[in-house]
Amino acid sequence: MHLDIAVENLEPAVTAAVAVGARPAQHQPAPEQWRVLLDPAGHPLRLTVVSPD
């Protein structure tokens, strides 16, 4: 299971997530739309600029 979190701008959102303990995943399949991060325990989450319909 992972979380998808919609954000307005990827770069500041990634910076904020890393500041509180997340780390970028090694594989980034679509970095212009999604950023895959791992929480401190290693669980994946994705930040995205793609809005849910």
Protein backbone atom coordinates (compact mmCIF):
# COMPACT_ATOMS: atom_id res chain seq x y z
CA MET A 1 0.00 0.00 0.00
CA HIS A 2 1.17 3.53 -0.71
CA LEU A 3 -0.25 7.02 -0.55
CA ASP A 4 -0.75 9.37 -3.49
CA ILE A 5 -0.73 13.00 -2.36
CA ALA A 6 -1.81 15.76 -4.76
CA VAL A 7 0.31 18.93 -4.57
CA GLU A 8 0.39 22.15 -6.58
CA ASN A 9 4.15 22.17 -7.14
CA LEU A 10 6.44 19.15 -6.90
CA GLU A 11 9.74 20.77 -5.96
CA PRO A 12 8.60 22.57 -2.78
CA ALA A 13 6.53 19.53 -1.76
CA VAL A 14 9.50 17.19 -2.17
CA THR A 15 11.73 19.59 -0.25
CA ALA A 16 9.20 19.75 2.60
CA ALA A 17 8.81 15.96 2.71
CA VAL A 18 12.58 15.42 2.78
CA ALA A 19 12.88 17.99 5.57
CA VAL A 20 10.63 15.85 7.77
CA GLY A 21 12.36 12.54 7.04
CA ALA A 22 11.30 11.23 3.62
CA ARG A 23 13.87 10.26 1.03
CA PRO A 24 13.55 10.01 -2.76
CA ALA A 25 13.15 6.50 -4.11
CA GLN A 26 15.85 5.32 -6.48
CA HIS A 27 13.40 4.67 -9.36
CA GLN A 28 11.35 7.66 -10.60
CA PRO A 29 9.08 6.41 -13.41
CA ALA A 30 7.48 9.79 -14.30
CA PRO A 31 9.34 12.57 -12.47
CA GLU A 32 7.50 15.36 -14.29
CA GLN A 33 4.17 14.10 -12.87
CA TRP A 34 5.05 12.01 -9.81
CA ARG A 35 7.82 11.86 -7.24
CA VAL A 36 8.18 8.61 -5.39
CA LEU A 37 9.44 9.01 -1.84
CA LEU A 38 10.01 6.63 1.04
CA ASP A 39 9.03 7.48 4.59
CA PRO A 40 11.57 6.86 7.39
CA ALA A 41 10.31 3.27 7.74
CA GLY A 42 10.74 2.67 3.99
CA HIS A 43 7.06 2.80 3.00
CA PRO A 44 6.43 4.40 -0.42
CA LEU A 45 4.37 7.49 -1.08
CA ARG A 46 3.91 9.57 -4.20
CA LEU A 47 3.59 13.29 -4.56
CA THR A 48 1.81 14.30 -7.74
CA VAL A 49 0.62 17.32 -9.68
CA VAL A 50 -2.00 15.13 -11.39
CA SER A 51 -5.39 16.09 -9.97
CA PRO A 52 -7.90 13.36 -9.19
CA ASP A 53 -11.06 13.60 -11.27
